[in-house]
Protein backbone atom coordinates (compact mmCIF):
# COMPACT_ATOMS: atom_id res chain seq x y z
CA MET A 1 -32.35 -28.81 -7.36
CA SER A 2 -29.11 -27.03 -6.56
CA LEU A 3 -28.95 -23.70 -4.73
CA ARG A 4 -25.43 -23.08 -6.04
CA ASN A 5 -24.97 -19.90 -8.05
CA ASP A 6 -24.04 -20.89 -11.61
CA LYS A 7 -21.77 -17.85 -11.96
CA LYS A 8 -19.48 -19.17 -9.26
CA GLY A 9 -16.73 -21.62 -10.11
CA LYS A 10 -17.48 -25.23 -9.32
CA GLY A 11 -14.55 -25.48 -6.97
CA GLY A 12 -10.80 -25.75 -6.84
CA LEU A 13 -8.74 -23.43 -9.00
CA ARG A 14 -11.76 -22.03 -10.87
CA ARG A 15 -13.28 -20.86 -7.57
CA ILE A 16 -10.00 -19.19 -6.58
CA TYR A 17 -9.71 -17.58 -10.02
CA ASN A 18 -13.25 -16.17 -9.80
CA ALA A 19 -12.77 -15.00 -6.20
CA PHE A 20 -9.63 -13.12 -7.22
CA PHE A 21 -11.46 -11.15 -9.91
CA TYR A 22 -14.47 -10.53 -7.64
CA SER A 23 -12.02 -9.10 -5.12
CA LEU A 24 -10.40 -6.85 -7.73
CA SER A 25 -13.86 -5.65 -8.71
CA GLY A 26 -14.61 -4.85 -5.08
CA LEU A 27 -11.38 -2.88 -4.72
CA LYS A 28 -12.15 -0.97 -7.92
CA SER A 29 -15.67 -0.17 -6.72
CA ALA A 30 -14.40 1.01 -3.35
CA TRP A 31 -11.78 3.20 -5.01
CA ILE A 32 -14.28 4.77 -7.42
CA ASP A 33 -17.26 5.17 -5.07
CA GLU A 34 -15.77 5.74 -1.62
CA SER A 35 -13.70 8.86 -0.94
CA ALA A 36 -12.95 7.61 2.59
CA PHE A 37 -11.43 4.46 1.08
CA ARG A 38 -9.18 6.53 -1.20
CA GLN A 39 -8.04 8.64 1.76
CA VAL A 40 -7.26 5.57 3.87
CA VAL A 41 -5.39 3.91 0.99
CA LEU A 42 -3.28 7.00 0.32
CA LEU A 43 -2.39 7.37 4.01
CA SER A 44 -1.62 3.66 4.21
CA VAL A 45 0.56 3.66 1.09
CA LEU A 46 2.52 6.56 2.54
CA GLY A 47 2.94 4.70 5.84
CA ILE A 48 3.89 1.44 4.15
CA CYS A 49 6.49 3.22 2.02
CA ILE A 50 8.21 4.99 4.92
CA ALA A 51 7.92 2.20 7.51
CA PRO A 52 11.00 0.27 6.33
CA PHE A 53 13.12 3.43 6.54
CA LEU A 54 11.93 4.44 10.01
CA SER A 55 11.98 1.04 11.68
CA THR A 56 15.09 -0.58 13.07
CA SER A 57 13.76 -4.13 13.20
CA TRP A 58 11.51 -6.45 11.27
CA VAL A 59 8.95 -6.46 14.12
CA GLU A 60 8.73 -2.67 14.17
CA CYS A 61 8.26 -2.57 10.42
CA VAL A 62 5.55 -5.24 10.50
CA LEU A 63 3.62 -3.43 13.24
CA LEU A 64 3.74 -0.15 11.34
CA VAL A 65 2.62 -1.82 8.10
CA LEU A 66 -0.02 -3.91 9.89
CA SER A 67 -1.73 -0.82 11.25
CA CYS A 68 -1.91 0.58 7.70
CA VAL A 69 -3.30 -2.60 6.18
CA LEU A 70 -5.82 -2.95 9.01
CA MET A 71 -7.23 0.51 8.21
CA ILE A 72 -7.79 -0.53 4.58
CA ILE A 73 -9.48 -3.79 5.58
CA CYS A 74 -11.75 -2.05 8.08
CA GLU A 75 -12.74 0.63 5.58
CA LEU A 76 -13.68 -2.11 3.10
CA ILE A 77 -15.82 -3.81 5.78
CA ASN A 78 -17.46 -0.51 6.69
CA SER A 79 -18.21 0.29 3.05
CA ALA A 80 -19.59 -3.20 2.44
CA ILE A 81 -21.93 -2.89 5.43
CA GLU A 82 -23.13 0.54 4.30
CA ASN A 83 -23.76 -0.68 0.75
CA ALA A 84 -25.60 -3.79 1.90
CA VAL A 85 -27.82 -1.76 4.25
CA ASP A 86 -28.55 0.84 1.55
CA PHE A 87 -29.36 -1.92 -0.95
CA THR A 88 -31.80 -3.48 1.49
CA SER A 89 -33.64 -0.21 2.07
CA LEU A 90 -32.98 3.51 2.14
CA GLU A 91 -35.72 3.83 4.74
CA LEU A 92 -34.63 4.97 8.20
CA HIS A 93 -34.68 2.02 10.57
CA PRO A 94 -33.04 1.51 13.98
CA PHE A 95 -31.35 -1.73 12.85
CA ALA A 96 -29.97 -0.05 9.72
CA LYS A 97 -28.59 2.79 11.84
CA LYS A 98 -27.13 0.30 14.30
CA ALA A 99 -25.41 -1.68 11.51
CA LYS A 100 -23.97 1.46 9.93
CA ASP A 101 -22.83 2.80 13.31
CA MET A 102 -21.11 -0.50 14.09
CA GLY A 103 -19.37 -0.42 10.71
CA SER A 104 -18.19 3.09 11.48
CA ALA A 105 -16.97 1.91 14.89
CA ILE A 106 -14.90 -0.79 13.17
CA GLN A 107 -13.14 1.90 11.16
CA LEU A 108 -12.71 4.15 14.19
CA CYS A 109 -11.01 1.33 16.11
CA SER A 110 -8.59 0.74 13.25
CA ILE A 111 -7.75 4.45 13.04
CA VAL A 112 -7.18 4.63 16.80
CA PHE A 113 -4.91 1.58 16.52
CA PHE A 114 -3.03 3.23 13.63
CA LEU A 115 -2.59 6.44 15.63
CA PHE A 116 -1.48 4.50 18.71
CA VAL A 117 1.10 2.41 16.83
CA TRP A 118 2.54 5.26 14.77
CA GLY A 119 2.24 7.79 17.60
CA SER A 120 3.97 5.60 20.18
CA PHE A 121 6.62 4.59 17.64
CA LEU A 122 7.41 8.20 16.72
CA PHE A 123 7.28 9.31 20.35
CA CYS A 124 9.84 6.64 21.29
CA ARG A 125 12.02 7.59 18.32
CA VAL A 126 12.01 11.31 19.18
CA TRP A 127 11.92 11.29 23.01
CA GLY A 128 12.82 7.71 23.85
CA SER A 129 16.17 6.45 24.97
């Protein structure tokens, strides 16, 4: 008896193909259902678009873009945790609160990192030598 899910590809290219479309479905769900995700994506797209024009080196550009992408990834993780906890039970429970709070902390850390990277970059550009 196999515990493998029959909807998953057996392996190789089929598995990669299925994973790609599962990922697109996840992005679509996050975009439709999560306003915080839409806000983070819009801010990140703006940052990613202006980073190449503001930066003077490849490393600067990568750091600016990285902080944007990290916010998107962390918001997806946070949303996934919240959805999984809500699916398990809508009942108030200390472990559910702890999981949701930790997911929120993940996103907070990424926003602080974004603000630090962009803030220090812009500070150095305006007041630096």
